[in-house]
Amino acid sequence: MFWKKKKKESSSKTSREELIAQAKANAAKARAEIGDETLQKIVENIRKKEQSATEQAKAKIRAMDQDKVADHIKLMLDEKE
């Protein structure tokens, strides 16, 4: 059996500029609802988390050679046994 593909309507697509404007409007609305003080607290908490020792170690591990990291983890697991 053969099916005919339906042509997509390009008029239903929103342009990139419209999407950006819509996103900016949504962000402004959310900022107004949350309030600047609460938003600043959220930003500070995110920054503290990013600067924690755990997050810094995760970033270093992600930057390392993945095969080498896997080998070290396997060695550590073997030593536990």
Protein backbone atom coordinates (compact mmCIF):
# COMPACT_ATOMS: atom_id res chain seq x y z
CA MET A 1 0.00 0.00 0.00
CA PHE A 2 1.07 3.52 -0.68
CA TRP A 3 0.40 6.55 1.40
CA LYS A 4 0.62 10.12 0.37
CA LYS A 5 2.50 12.41 2.67
CA LYS A 6 0.54 15.40 3.81
CA LYS A 7 2.16 18.73 3.18
CA LYS A 8 3.09 20.58 6.32
CA GLU A 9 1.63 23.99 6.75
CA SER A 10 4.36 26.56 7.20
CA SER A 11 1.92 29.20 8.44
CA SER A 12 1.36 27.30 11.70
CA LYS A 13 5.07 27.55 12.53
CA THR A 14 6.09 30.48 14.64
CA SER A 15 9.18 32.34 13.65
CA ARG A 16 12.35 32.38 15.70
CA GLU A 17 11.81 36.02 16.64
CA GLU A 18 8.28 35.28 17.86
CA LEU A 19 9.55 32.40 19.98
CA ILE A 20 12.25 34.59 21.52
CA ALA A 21 9.74 37.35 22.26
CA GLN A 22 7.37 34.83 23.81
CA ALA A 23 10.16 33.35 25.96
CA LYS A 24 11.19 36.82 27.16
CA ALA A 25 7.59 37.65 28.03
CA ASN A 26 7.24 34.39 29.97
CA ALA A 27 10.48 35.08 31.85
CA ALA A 28 9.36 38.60 32.74
CA LYS A 29 6.00 37.29 33.96
CA ALA A 30 7.67 34.60 36.08
CA ARG A 31 10.15 37.14 37.51
CA ALA A 32 7.26 39.42 38.47
CA GLU A 33 5.38 36.56 40.15
CA ILE A 34 8.41 35.24 42.05
CA GLY A 35 9.86 38.58 43.04
CA ASP A 36 13.42 39.83 42.76
CA GLU A 37 14.37 38.92 46.33
CA THR A 38 13.34 35.27 45.93
CA LEU A 39 15.04 35.12 42.54
CA GLN A 40 18.30 36.42 44.05
CA LYS A 41 18.13 33.74 46.78
CA ILE A 42 17.70 31.06 44.12
CA VAL A 43 20.68 32.41 42.15
CA GLU A 44 22.85 32.44 45.29
CA ASN A 45 21.90 28.85 46.14
CA ILE A 46 22.74 27.69 42.62
CA ARG A 47 26.11 29.46 42.75
CA LYS A 48 26.92 27.93 46.13
CA LYS A 49 26.10 24.49 44.80
CA GLU A 50 28.27 25.02 41.71
CA GLN A 51 31.20 26.05 43.92
CA SER A 52 30.90 23.11 46.31
CA ALA A 53 33.74 20.60 46.48
CA THR A 54 31.48 17.84 45.18
CA GLU A 55 30.46 19.79 42.09
CA GLN A 56 34.08 20.78 41.41
CA ALA A 57 35.13 17.13 41.62
CA LYS A 58 32.32 16.12 39.26
CA ALA A 59 33.47 18.75 36.76
CA LYS A 60 37.06 17.48 36.93
CA ILE A 61 35.92 13.89 36.40
CA ARG A 62 33.80 14.92 33.40
CA ALA A 63 36.83 16.67 31.91
CA MET A 64 39.07 13.61 32.32
CA ASP A 65 39.51 10.79 29.85
CA GLN A 66 36.46 8.58 30.35
CA ASP A 67 38.30 5.31 29.74
CA LYS A 68 40.89 6.20 32.36
CA VAL A 69 38.17 7.09 34.88
CA ALA A 70 36.40 3.78 34.23
CA ASP A 71 39.64 1.86 34.75
CA HIS A 72 40.27 3.60 38.09
CA ILE A 73 36.73 2.87 39.28
CA LYS A 74 37.10 -0.80 38.31
CA LEU A 75 40.39 -0.97 40.24
CA MET A 76 38.79 0.57 43.30
CA LEU A 77 35.92 -1.91 43.17
CA ASP A 78 38.35 -4.83 42.82
CA GLU A 79 40.31 -3.62 45.86
CA LYS A 80 37.15 -3.59 47.99
CA GLU A 81 36.57 -7.28 47.39
